[in-house]
Amino acid sequence: MICPDHKCKLVGRSTRFGIRYYCPENDCTVVCWDGSTSTPADVETRQARIKAHNAFDKLWQSGKMSRIKAYRKLAKVLRLKIKDTHIGQFDKKMALKTQKFAKRLLEKK
């Protein structure tokens, strides 16, 4: 994996949650987790992804709809294939769209 900011190879370190990759450049905040559902991201993007996941998870955990139905709707709104709809791969803009999507549906009666 490559840091999108510095174009250098990310360094992996084992944690109790799995392998966490980070940029070795000083003051760089780019990190990602091992696996295919996460891409390197800076602090702002990671925070947007976390907020998106929290809002999106409330949507299906509330019982408003099933998890798969929520992902299908999100994929349609974002114009993605369902297999490509991983919040851990979203850029900041897509994460913000996901937050708005989930909040809008949660507020719907």
PDB file of N, CA and C in Angstrom:
ATOM      1  N   MET A   1       0.830  -1.171   0.000  1.00  0.00           N
ATOM      2  CA  MET A   1       0.000   0.000   0.000  1.00  0.00           C
ATOM      3  C   MET A   1       0.877   1.237   0.000  1.00  0.00           C
ATOM      4  N   ILE A   2       0.383   2.264  -0.652  1.00  0.00           N
ATOM      5  CA  ILE A   2       1.154   3.498  -0.833  1.00  0.00           C
ATOM      6  C   ILE A   2       0.422   4.676  -0.183  1.00  0.00           C
ATOM      7  N   CYS A   3       1.174   5.553   0.466  1.00  0.00           N
ATOM      8  CA  CYS A   3       0.611   6.770   1.040  1.00  0.00           C
ATOM      9  C   CYS A   3       0.179   7.682  -0.103  1.00  0.00           C
ATOM     10  N   PRO A   4      -1.092   8.102  -0.126  1.00  0.00           N
ATOM     11  CA  PRO A   4      -1.546   8.982  -1.203  1.00  0.00           C
ATOM     12  C   PRO A   4      -0.921  10.378  -1.137  1.00  0.00           C
ATOM     13  N   ASP A   5      -0.430  10.772   0.027  1.00  0.00           N
ATOM     14  CA  ASP A   5       0.182  12.094   0.180  1.00  0.00           C
ATOM     15  C   ASP A   5       1.660  12.103  -0.183  1.00  0.00           C
ATOM     16  N   HIS A   6       2.414  11.103   0.292  1.00  0.00           N
ATOM     17  CA  HIS A   6       3.869  11.094   0.122  1.00  0.00           C
ATOM     18  C   HIS A   6       4.385  10.082  -0.897  1.00  0.00           C
ATOM     19  N   LYS A   7       3.494   9.263  -1.410  1.00  0.00           N
ATOM     20  CA  LYS A   7       3.849   8.257  -2.438  1.00  0.00           C
ATOM     21  C   LYS A   7       4.914   7.272  -1.956  1.00  0.00           C
ATOM     22  N   CYS A   8       4.954   7.040  -0.653  1.00  0.00           N
ATOM     23  CA  CYS A   8       5.890   6.058  -0.113  1.00  0.00           C
ATOM     24  C   CYS A   8       5.108   4.848   0.397  1.00  0.00           C
ATOM     25  N   LYS A   9       5.821   3.760   0.598  1.00  0.00           N
ATOM     26  CA  LYS A   9       5.190   2.525   1.046  1.00  0.00           C
ATOM     27  C   LYS A   9       4.773   2.649   2.510  1.00  0.00           C
ATOM     28  N   LEU A  10       3.536   2.213   2.817  1.00  0.00           N
ATOM     29  CA  LEU A  10       3.068   2.211   4.193  1.00  0.00           C
ATOM     30  C   LEU A  10       3.729   1.064   4.952  1.00  0.00           C
ATOM     31  N   VAL A  11       3.964   1.286   6.230  1.00  0.00           N
ATOM     32  CA  VAL A  11       4.612   0.310   7.100  1.00  0.00           C
ATOM     33  C   VAL A  11       3.537  -0.361   7.958  1.00  0.00           C
ATOM     34  N   GLY A  12       3.592  -1.691   8.043  1.00  0.00           N
ATOM     35  CA  GLY A  12       2.607  -2.422   8.833  1.00  0.00           C
ATOM     36  C   GLY A  12       3.081  -2.699  10.250  1.00  0.00           C
ATOM     37  N   ARG A  13       2.136  -2.649  11.173  1.00  0.00           N
ATOM     38  CA  ARG A  13       2.428  -2.965  12.568  1.00  0.00           C
ATOM     39  C   ARG A  13       1.247  -3.768  13.117  1.00  0.00           C
ATOM     40  N   SER A  14       1.557  -4.884  13.755  1.00  0.00           N
ATOM     41  CA  SER A  14       0.503  -5.726  14.341  1.00  0.00           C
ATOM     42  C   SER A  14      -0.095  -5.052  15.570  1.00  0.00           C
ATOM     43  N   THR A  15      -1.416  -5.110  15.665  1.00  0.00           N
ATOM     44  CA  THR A  15      -2.131  -4.637  16.848  1.00  0.00           C
ATOM     45  C   THR A  15      -3.083  -5.743  17.264  1.00  0.00           C
ATOM     46  N   ARG A  16      -3.765  -5.573  18.345  1.00  0.00           N
ATOM     47  CA  ARG A  16      -4.721  -6.603  18.766  1.00  0.00           C
ATOM     48  C   ARG A  16      -5.925  -6.658  17.837  1.00  0.00           C
ATOM     49  N   PHE A  17      -6.103  -5.649  16.980  1.00  0.00           N
ATOM     50  CA  PHE A  17      -7.219  -5.602  16.033  1.00  0.00           C
ATOM     51  C   PHE A  17      -6.829  -6.068  14.632  1.00  0.00           C
ATOM     52  N   GLY A  18      -5.559  -6.339  14.415  1.00  0.00           N
ATOM     53  CA  GLY A  18      -5.065  -6.722  13.097  1.00  0.00           C
ATOM     54  C   GLY A  18      -3.878  -5.854  12.721  1.00  0.00           C
ATOM     55  N   ILE A  19      -3.507  -5.893  11.464  1.00  0.00           N
ATOM     56  CA  ILE A  19      -2.351  -5.104  11.017  1.00  0.00           C
ATOM     57  C   ILE A  19      -2.815  -3.707  10.624  1.00  0.00           C
ATOM     58  N   ARG A  20      -2.145  -2.715  11.179  1.00  0.00           N
ATOM     59  CA  ARG A  20      -2.437  -1.301  10.892  1.00  0.00           C
ATOM     60  C   ARG A  20      -1.254  -0.764  10.108  1.00  0.00           C
ATOM     61  N   TYR A  21      -1.536  -0.204   8.946  1.00  0.00           N
ATOM     62  CA  TYR A  21      -0.493   0.371   8.098  1.00  0.00           C
ATOM     63  C   TYR A  21      -0.479   1.883   8.280  1.00  0.00           C
ATOM     64  N   TYR A  22       0.713   2.450   8.322  1.00  0.00           N
ATOM     65  CA  TYR A  22       0.846   3.894   8.507  1.00  0.00           C
ATOM     66  C   TYR A  22       1.982   4.427   7.641  1.00  0.00           C
ATOM     67  N   CYS A  23       1.916   5.713   7.377  1.00  0.00           N
ATOM     68  CA  CYS A  23       2.960   6.368   6.594  1.00  0.00           C
ATOM     69  C   CYS A  23       4.139   6.675   7.526  1.00  0.00           C
ATOM     70  N   PRO A  24       5.367   6.356   7.099  1.00  0.00           N
ATOM     71  CA  PRO A  24       6.530   6.601   7.950  1.00  0.00           C
ATOM     72  C   PRO A  24       6.991   8.066   7.972  1.00  0.00           C
ATOM     73  N   GLU A  25       6.422   8.893   7.120  1.00  0.00           N
ATOM     74  CA  GLU A  25       6.827  10.306   7.088  1.00  0.00           C
ATOM     75  C   GLU A  25       6.362  11.021   8.362  1.00  0.00           C
ATOM     76  N   ASN A  26       7.204  11.906   8.902  1.00  0.00           N
ATOM     77  CA  ASN A  26       6.852  12.670  10.099  1.00  0.00           C
ATOM     78  C   ASN A  26       5.578  13.470   9.875  1.00  0.00           C
ATOM     79  N   ASP A  27       4.731  13.490  10.883  1.00  0.00           N
ATOM     80  CA  ASP A  27       3.487  14.264  10.901  1.00  0.00           C
ATOM     81  C   ASP A  27       2.447  13.824   9.873  1.00  0.00           C
ATOM     82  N   CYS A  28       2.656  12.715   9.199  1.00  0.00           N
ATOM     83  CA  CYS A  28       1.654  12.218   8.263  1.00  0.00           C
ATOM     84  C   CYS A  28       0.617  11.422   9.051  1.00  0.00           C
ATOM     85  N   THR A  29      -0.644  11.616   8.731  1.00  0.00           N
ATOM     86  CA  THR A  29      -1.724  10.964   9.470  1.00  0.00           C
ATOM     87  C   THR A  29      -2.387   9.841   8.677  1.00  0.00           C
ATOM     88  N   VAL A  30      -1.820   9.466   7.546  1.00  0.00           N
ATOM     89  CA  VAL A  30      -2.412   8.430   6.714  1.00  0.00           C
ATOM     90  C   VAL A  30      -2.206   7.058   7.345  1.00  0.00           C
ATOM     91  N   VAL A  31      -3.316   6.327   7.508  1.00  0.00           N
ATOM     92  CA  VAL A  31      -3.278   4.944   7.994  1.00  0.00           C
ATOM     93  C   VAL A  31      -4.361   4.143   7.298  1.00  0.00           C
ATOM     94  N   CYS A  32      -4.279   2.827   7.393  1.00  0.00           N
ATOM     95  CA  CYS A  32      -5.360   1.942   6.975  1.00  0.00           C
ATOM     96  C   CYS A  32      -5.141   0.588   7.609  1.00  0.00           C
ATOM     97  N   TRP A  33      -6.157  -0.250   7.549  1.00  0.00           N
ATOM     98  CA  TRP A  33      -6.108  -1.580   8.134  1.00  0.00           C
ATOM     99  C   TRP A  33      -5.905  -2.612   7.054  1.00  0.00           C
ATOM    100  N   ASP A  34      -5.367  -3.733   7.452  1.00  0.00           N
ATOM    101  CA  ASP A  34      -5.176  -4.856   6.552  1.00  0.00           C
ATOM    102  C   ASP A  34      -6.532  -5.347   6.056  1.00  0.00           C
ATOM    103  N   GLY A  35      -6.587  -5.788   4.834  1.00  0.00           N
ATOM    104  CA  GLY A  35      -7.827  -6.310   4.266  1.00  0.00           C
ATOM    105  C   GLY A  35      -8.259  -5.500   3.061  1.00  0.00           C
ATOM    106  N   SER A  36      -9.297  -5.956   2.431  1.00  0.00           N
ATOM    107  CA  SER A  36      -9.724  -5.325   1.182  1.00  0.00           C
ATOM    108  C   SER A  36     -10.812  -4.266   1.372  1.00  0.00           C
ATOM    109  N   THR A  37     -11.283  -4.052   2.609  1.00  0.00           N
ATOM    110  CA  THR A  37     -12.366  -3.092   2.800  1.00  0.00           C
ATOM    111  C   THR A  37     -11.903  -1.759   3.370  1.00  0.00           C
ATOM    112  N   SER A  38     -10.604  -1.511   3.353  1.00  0.00           N
ATOM    113  CA  SER A  38     -10.057  -0.258   3.856  1.00  0.00           C
ATOM    114  C   SER A  38      -8.974   0.239   2.910  1.00  0.00           C
ATOM    115  N   THR A  39      -8.954   1.543   2.701  1.00  0.00           N
ATOM    116  CA  THR A  39      -7.909   2.164   1.894  1.00  0.00           C
ATOM    117  C   THR A  39      -7.220   3.239   2.723  1.00  0.00           C
ATOM    118  N   PRO A  40      -5.978   3.579   2.394  1.00  0.00           N
ATOM    119  CA  PRO A  40      -5.275   4.610   3.159  1.00  0.00           C
ATOM    120  C   PRO A  40      -6.058   5.920   3.186  1.00  0.00           C
ATOM    121  N   ALA A  41      -6.072   6.558   4.365  1.00  0.00           N
ATOM    122  CA  ALA A  41      -6.822   7.802   4.515  1.00  0.00           C
ATOM    123  C   ALA A  41      -6.187   8.683   5.579  1.00  0.00           C
ATOM    124  N   ASP A  42      -6.338   9.991   5.386  1.00  0.00           N
ATOM    125  CA  ASP A  42      -5.846  10.941   6.383  1.00  0.00           C
ATOM    126  C   ASP A  42      -6.877  11.078   7.513  1.00  0.00           C
ATOM    127  N   VAL A  43      -6.560  11.899   8.505  1.00  0.00           N
ATOM    128  CA  VAL A  43      -7.419  12.050   9.679  1.00  0.00           C
ATOM    129  C   VAL A  43      -8.827  12.505   9.296  1.00  0.00           C
ATOM    130  N   GLU A  44      -8.937  13.526   8.460  1.00  0.00           N
ATOM    131  CA  GLU A  44     -10.256  14.044   8.083  1.00  0.00           C
ATOM    132  C   GLU A  44     -11.108  12.973   7.409  1.00  0.00           C
ATOM    133  N   THR A  45     -10.506  12.224   6.513  1.00  0.00           N
ATOM    134  CA  THR A  45     -11.246  11.175   5.812  1.00  0.00           C
ATOM    135  C   THR A  45     -11.638  10.070   6.781  1.00  0.00           C
ATOM    136  N   ARG A  46     -10.725   9.685   7.661  1.00  0.00           N
ATOM    137  CA  ARG A  46     -11.051   8.634   8.644  1.00  0.00           C
ATOM    138  C   ARG A  46     -12.180   9.084   9.553  1.00  0.00           C
ATOM    139  N   GLN A  47     -12.151  10.342  10.000  1.00  0.00           N
ATOM    140  CA  GLN A  47     -13.222  10.843  10.865  1.00  0.00           C
ATOM    141  C   GLN A  47     -14.557  10.869  10.117  1.00  0.00           C
ATOM    142  N   ALA A  48     -14.526  11.247   8.852  1.00  0.00           N
ATOM    143  CA  ALA A  48     -15.755  11.249   8.051  1.00  0.00           C
ATOM    144  C   ALA A  48     -16.279   9.820   7.876  1.00  0.00           C
ATOM    145  N   ARG A  49     -15.366   8.857   7.680  1.00  0.00           N
ATOM    146  CA  ARG A  49     -15.778   7.451   7.552  1.00  0.00           C
ATOM    147  C   ARG A  49     -16.404   6.943   8.849  1.00  0.00           C
ATOM    148  N   ILE A  50     -15.811   7.288   9.981  1.00  0.00           N
ATOM    149  CA  ILE A  50     -16.340   6.855  11.277  1.00  0.00           C
ATOM    150  C   ILE A  50     -17.746   7.404  11.476  1.00  0.00           C
ATOM    151  N   LYS A  51     -17.931   8.689  11.197  1.00  0.00           N
ATOM    152  CA  LYS A  51     -19.259   9.303  11.337  1.00  0.00           C
ATOM    153  C   LYS A  51     -20.249   8.676  10.366  1.00  0.00           C
ATOM    154  N   ALA A  52     -19.786   8.377   9.162  1.00  0.00           N
ATOM    155  CA  ALA A  52     -20.654   7.743   8.164  1.00  0.00           C
ATOM    156  C   ALA A  52     -21.088   6.359   8.647  1.00  0.00           C
ATOM    157  N   HIS A  53     -20.137   5.588   9.162  1.00  0.00           N
ATOM    158  CA  HIS A  53     -20.459   4.246   9.659  1.00  0.00           C
ATOM    159  C   HIS A  53     -21.426   4.318  10.830  1.00  0.00           C
ATOM    160  N   ASN A  54     -21.193   5.252  11.746  1.00  0.00           N
ATOM    161  CA  ASN A  54     -22.087   5.388  12.899  1.00  0.00           C
ATOM    162  C   ASN A  54     -23.505   5.720  12.467  1.00  0.00           C
ATOM    163  N   ALA A  55     -23.652   6.669  11.554  1.00  0.00           N
ATOM    164  CA  ALA A  55     -24.977   7.058  11.072  1.00  0.00           C
ATOM    165  C   ALA A  55     -25.613   5.915  10.277  1.00  0.00           C
ATOM    166  N   PHE A  56     -24.838   5.295   9.408  1.00  0.00           N
ATOM    167  CA  PHE A  56     -25.354   4.219   8.574  1.00  0.00           C
ATOM    168  C   PHE A  56     -25.761   3.010   9.414  1.00  0.00           C
ATOM    169  N   ASP A  57     -24.946   2.637  10.397  1.00  0.00           N
ATOM    170  CA  ASP A  57     -25.260   1.481  11.231  1.00  0.00           C
ATOM    171  C   ASP A  57     -26.541   1.703  12.032  1.00  0.00           C
ATOM    172  N   LYS A  58     -26.790   2.930  12.471  1.00  0.00           N
ATOM    173  CA  LYS A  58     -28.037   3.234  13.187  1.00  0.00           C
ATOM    174  C   LYS A  58     -29.245   2.956  12.297  1.00  0.00           C
ATOM    175  N   LEU A  59     -29.083   3.168  11.019  1.00  0.00           N
ATOM    176  CA  LEU A  59     -30.172   2.967  10.063  1.00  0.00           C
ATOM    177  C   LEU A  59     -30.680   1.531  10.092  1.00  0.00           C
ATOM    178  N   TRP A  60     -29.793   0.574  10.006  1.00  0.00           N
ATOM    179  CA  TRP A  60     -30.249  -0.820  10.004  1.00  0.00           C
ATOM    180  C   TRP A  60     -30.383  -1.391  11.409  1.00  0.00           C
ATOM    181  N   GLN A  61     -29.584  -0.902  12.353  1.00  0.00           N
ATOM    182  CA  GLN A  61     -29.693  -1.405  13.723  1.00  0.00           C
ATOM    183  C   GLN A  61     -30.986  -0.953  14.404  1.00  0.00           C
ATOM    184  N   SER A  62     -31.557   0.145  13.916  1.00  0.00           N
ATOM    185  CA  SER A  62     -32.818   0.651  14.468  1.00  0.00           C
ATOM    186  C   SER A  62     -34.005  -0.205  14.041  1.00  0.00           C
ATOM    187  N   GLY A  63     -33.801  -1.054  13.051  1.00  0.00           N
ATOM    188  CA  GLY A  63     -34.887  -1.883  12.544  1.00  0.00           C
ATOM    189  C   GLY A  63     -35.672  -1.233  11.422  1.00  0.00           C
ATOM    190  N   LYS A  64     -35.255  -0.024  11.005  1.00  0.00           N
ATOM    191  CA  LYS A  64     -35.944   0.651   9.894  1.00  0.00           C
ATOM    192  C   LYS A  64     -35.879  -0.175   8.617  1.00  0.00           C
ATOM    193  N   MET A  65     -34.772  -0.881   8.448  1.00  0.00           N
ATOM    194  CA  MET A  65     -34.603  -1.755   7.292  1.00  0.00           C
ATOM    195  C   MET A  65     -33.489  -2.746   7.592  1.00  0.00           C
ATOM    196  N   SER A  66     -33.407  -3.774   6.787  1.00  0.00           N
ATOM    197  CA  SER A  66     -32.338  -4.759   6.988  1.00  0.00           C
ATOM    198  C   SER A  66     -31.001  -4.151   6.565  1.00  0.00           C
ATOM    199  N   ARG A  67     -29.942  -4.764   7.004  1.00  0.00           N
ATOM    200  CA  ARG A  67     -28.596  -4.287   6.669  1.00  0.00           C
ATOM    201  C   ARG A  67     -28.367  -4.342   5.158  1.00  0.00           C
ATOM    202  N   ILE A  68     -28.756  -5.445   4.539  1.00  0.00           N
ATOM    203  CA  ILE A  68     -28.527  -5.571   3.089  1.00  0.00           C
ATOM    204  C   ILE A  68     -29.373  -4.563   2.317  1.00  0.00           C
ATOM    205  N   LYS A  69     -30.593  -4.315   2.761  1.00  0.00           N
ATOM    206  CA  LYS A  69     -31.434  -3.319   2.084  1.00  0.00           C
ATOM    207  C   LYS A  69     -30.810  -1.925   2.211  1.00  0.00           C
ATOM    208  N   ALA A  70     -30.267  -1.624   3.382  1.00  0.00           N
ATOM    209  CA  ALA A  70     -29.607  -0.329   3.593  1.00  0.00           C
ATOM    210  C   ALA A  70     -28.406  -0.191   2.661  1.00  0.00           C
ATOM    211  N   TYR A  71     -27.608  -1.258   2.535  1.00  0.00           N
ATOM    212  CA  TYR A  71     -26.447  -1.209   1.639  1.00  0.00           C
ATOM    213  C   TYR A  71     -26.886  -1.095   0.176  1.00  0.00           C
ATOM    214  N   ARG A  72     -27.945  -1.772  -0.190  1.00  0.00           N
ATOM    215  CA  ARG A  72     -28.440  -1.669  -1.573  1.00  0.00           C
ATOM    216  C   ARG A  72     -28.890  -0.249  -1.893  1.00  0.00           C
ATOM    217  N   LYS A  73     -29.606   0.365  -0.959  1.00  0.00           N
ATOM    218  CA  LYS A  73     -30.059   1.753  -1.161  1.00  0.00           C
ATOM    219  C   LYS A  73     -28.867   2.703  -1.239  1.00  0.00           C
ATOM    220  N   LEU A  74     -27.895   2.499  -0.347  1.00  0.00           N
ATOM    221  CA  LEU A  74     -26.709   3.352  -0.361  1.00  0.00           C
ATOM    222  C   LEU A  74     -25.955   3.197  -1.677  1.00  0.00           C
ATOM    223  N   ALA A  75     -25.790   1.978  -2.137  1.00  0.00           N
ATOM    224  CA  ALA A  75     -25.104   1.727  -3.413  1.00  0.00           C
ATOM    225  C   ALA A  75     -25.806   2.454  -4.549  1.00  0.00           C
ATOM    226  N   LYS A  76     -27.123   2.412  -4.545  1.00  0.00           N
ATOM    227  CA  LYS A  76     -27.892   3.079  -5.605  1.00  0.00           C
ATOM    228  C   LYS A  76     -27.693   4.592  -5.556  1.00  0.00           C
ATOM    229  N   VAL A  77     -27.774   5.154  -4.361  1.00  0.00           N
ATOM    230  CA  VAL A  77     -27.605   6.604  -4.191  1.00  0.00           C
ATOM    231  C   VAL A  77     -26.209   7.047  -4.631  1.00  0.00           C
ATOM    232  N   LEU A  78     -25.194   6.254  -4.289  1.00  0.00           N
ATOM    233  CA  LEU A  78     -23.808   6.610  -4.623  1.00  0.00           C
ATOM    234  C   LEU A  78     -23.391   6.138  -6.017  1.00  0.00           C
ATOM    235  N   ARG A  79     -24.313   5.425  -6.687  1.00  0.00           N
ATOM    236  CA  ARG A  79     -24.048   4.890  -8.022  1.00  0.00           C
ATOM    237  C   ARG A  79     -22.847   3.949  -8.031  1.00  0.00           C
ATOM    238  N   LEU A  80     -22.872   3.032  -7.066  1.00  0.00           N
ATOM    239  CA  LEU A  80     -21.824   2.029  -6.944  1.00  0.00           C
ATOM    240  C   LEU A  80     -22.441   0.644  -7.066  1.00  0.00           C
ATOM    241  N   LYS A  81     -21.607  -0.321  -7.393  1.00  0.00           N
ATOM    242  CA  LYS A  81     -22.037  -1.710  -7.309  1.00  0.00           C
ATOM    243  C   LYS A  81     -22.053  -2.071  -5.835  1.00  0.00           C
ATOM    244  N   ILE A  82     -22.954  -2.964  -5.450  1.00  0.00           N
ATOM    245  CA  ILE A  82     -23.052  -3.355  -4.047  1.00  0.00           C
ATOM    246  C   ILE A  82     -21.712  -3.887  -3.528  1.00  0.00           C
ATOM    247  N   LYS A  83     -20.959  -4.593  -4.367  1.00  0.00           N
ATOM    248  CA  LYS A  83     -19.670  -5.148  -3.937  1.00  0.00           C
ATOM    249  C   LYS A  83     -18.617  -4.063  -3.696  1.00  0.00           C
ATOM    250  N   ASP A  84     -18.860  -2.861  -4.211  1.00  0.00           N
ATOM    251  CA  ASP A  84     -17.922  -1.753  -4.042  1.00  0.00           C
ATOM    252  C   ASP A  84     -18.356  -0.760  -2.960  1.00  0.00           C
ATOM    253  N   THR A  85     -19.413  -1.106  -2.249  1.00  0.00           N
ATOM    254  CA  THR A  85     -19.964  -0.198  -1.248  1.00  0.00           C
ATOM    255  C   THR A  85     -19.404  -0.526   0.135  1.00  0.00           C
ATOM    256  N   HIS A  86     -18.150  -0.109   0.350  1.00  0.00           N
ATOM    257  CA  HIS A  86     -17.462  -0.285   1.636  1.00  0.00           C
ATOM    258  C   HIS A  86     -17.081   1.097   2.146  1.00  0.00           C
ATOM    259  N   ILE A  87     -17.649   1.501   3.260  1.00  0.00           N
ATOM    260  CA  ILE A  87     -17.378   2.836   3.811  1.00  0.00           C
ATOM    261  C   ILE A  87     -15.881   3.021   4.056  1.00  0.00           C
ATOM    262  N   GLY A  88     -15.168   1.968   4.381  1.00  0.00           N
ATOM    263  CA  GLY A  88     -13.723   2.038   4.616  1.00  0.00           C
ATOM    264  C   GLY A  88     -12.914   2.345   3.365  1.00  0.00           C
ATOM    265  N   GLN A  89     -13.577   2.341   2.204  1.00  0.00           N
ATOM    266  CA  GLN A  89     -12.904   2.687   0.951  1.00  0.00           C
ATOM    267  C   GLN A  89     -13.325   4.062   0.432  1.00  0.00           C
ATOM    268  N   PHE A  90     -14.277   4.696   1.113  1.00  0.00           N
ATOM    269  CA  PHE A  90     -14.810   5.972   0.628  1.00  0.00           C
ATOM    270  C   PHE A  90     -13.833   7.121   0.856  1.00  0.00           C
ATOM    271  N   ASP A  91     -13.864   8.081  -0.062  1.00  0.00           N
ATOM    272  CA  ASP A  91     -13.149   9.327   0.179  1.00  0.00           C
ATOM    273  C   ASP A  91     -14.037  10.186   1.088  1.00  0.00           C
ATOM    274  N   LYS A  92     -13.545  11.336   1.469  1.00  0.00           N
ATOM    275  CA  LYS A  92     -14.269  12.198   2.407  1.00  0.00           C
ATOM    276  C   LYS A  92     -15.634  12.600   1.849  1.00  0.00           C
ATOM    277  N   LYS A  93     -15.681  12.938   0.577  1.00  0.00           N
ATOM    278  CA  LYS A  93     -16.931  13.378  -0.048  1.00  0.00           C
ATOM    279  C   LYS A  93     -17.993  12.272  -0.011  1.00  0.00           C
ATOM    280  N   MET A  94     -17.604  11.054  -0.324  1.00  0.00           N
ATOM    281  CA  MET A  94     -18.557   9.944  -0.299  1.00  0.00           C
ATOM    282  C   MET A  94     -18.992   9.620   1.128  1.00  0.00           C
ATOM    283  N   ALA A  95     -18.080   9.751   2.080  1.00  0.00           N
ATOM    284  CA  ALA A  95     -18.438   9.509   3.476  1.00  0.00           C
ATOM    285  C   ALA A  95     -19.460  10.549   3.948  1.00  0.00           C
ATOM    286  N   LEU A  96     -19.292  11.792   3.538  1.00  0.00           N
ATOM    287  CA  LEU A  96     -20.255  12.834   3.903  1.00  0.00           C
ATOM    288  C   LEU A  96     -21.613  12.577   3.251  1.00  0.00           C
ATOM    289  N   LYS A  97     -21.625  12.112   2.011  1.00  0.00           N
ATOM    290  CA  LYS A  97     -22.880  11.754   1.342  1.00  0.00           C
ATOM    291  C   LYS A  97     -23.573  10.613   2.085  1.00  0.00           C
ATOM    292  N   THR A  98     -22.785   9.670   2.570  1.00  0.00           N
ATOM    293  CA  THR A  98     -23.329   8.536   3.319  1.00  0.00           C
ATOM    294  C   THR A  98     -23.967   9.016   4.616  1.00  0.00           C
ATOM    295  N   GLN A  99     -23.317   9.938   5.301  1.00  0.00           N
ATOM    296  CA  GLN A  99     -23.884  10.503   6.530  1.00  0.00           C
ATOM    297  C   GLN A  99     -25.233  11.156   6.249  1.00  0.00           C
ATOM    298  N   LYS A 100     -25.297  11.974   5.202  1.00  0.00           N
ATOM    299  CA  LYS A 100     -26.541  12.667   4.852  1.00  0.00           C
ATOM    300  C   LYS A 100     -27.634  11.674   4.470  1.00  0.00           C
ATOM    301  N   PHE A 101     -27.271  10.662   3.699  1.00  0.00           N
ATOM    302  CA  PHE A 101     -28.215   9.628   3.289  1.00  0.00           C
ATOM    303  C   PHE A 101     -28.837   8.953   4.513  1.00  0.00           C
ATOM    304  N   ALA A 102     -27.991   8.524   5.431  1.00  0.00           N
ATOM    305  CA  ALA A 102     -28.467   7.805   6.615  1.00  0.00           C
ATOM    306  C   ALA A 102     -29.323   8.712   7.504  1.00  0.00           C
ATOM    307  N   LYS A 103     -28.882   9.919   7.724  1.00  0.00           N
ATOM    308  CA  LYS A 103     -29.641  10.855   8.577  1.00  0.00           C
ATOM    309  C   LYS A 103     -31.004  11.155   7.969  1.00  0.00           C
ATOM    310  N   ARG A 104     -31.033  11.336   6.660  1.00  0.00           N
ATOM    311  CA  ARG A 104     -32.305  11.617   5.960  1.00  0.00           C
ATOM    312  C   ARG A 104     -33.285  10.459   6.157  1.00  0.00           C
ATOM    313  N   LEU A 105     -32.809   9.224   5.992  1.00  0.00           N
ATOM    314  CA  LEU A 105     -33.686   8.068   6.140  1.00  0.00           C
ATOM    315  C   LEU A 105     -34.078   7.842   7.610  1.00  0.00           C
ATOM    316  N   LEU A 106     -33.198   8.145   8.527  1.00  0.00           N
ATOM    317  CA  LEU A 106     -33.535   8.000   9.953  1.00  0.00           C
ATOM    318  C   LEU A 106     -34.610   9.007  10.387  1.00  0.00           C
ATOM    319  N   GLU A 107     -34.583  10.194   9.786  1.00  0.00           N
ATOM    320  CA  GLU A 107     -35.555  11.226  10.127  1.00  0.00           C
ATOM    321  C   GLU A 107     -36.915  10.997   9.472  1.00  0.00           C
ATOM    322  N   LYS A 108     -36.946  10.176   8.444  1.00  0.00           N
ATOM    323  CA  LYS A 108     -38.171   9.863   7.724  1.00  0.00           C
ATOM    324  C   LYS A 108     -39.117   9.096   8.639  1.00  0.00           C
ATOM    325  N   LYS A 109     -40.371   9.460   8.623  1.00  0.00           N
ATOM    326  CA  LYS A 109     -41.380   8.772   9.460  1.00  0.00           C
ATOM    327  C   LYS A 109     -41.904   7.540   8.768  1.00  0.00           C
TER     328      LYS A 109
END
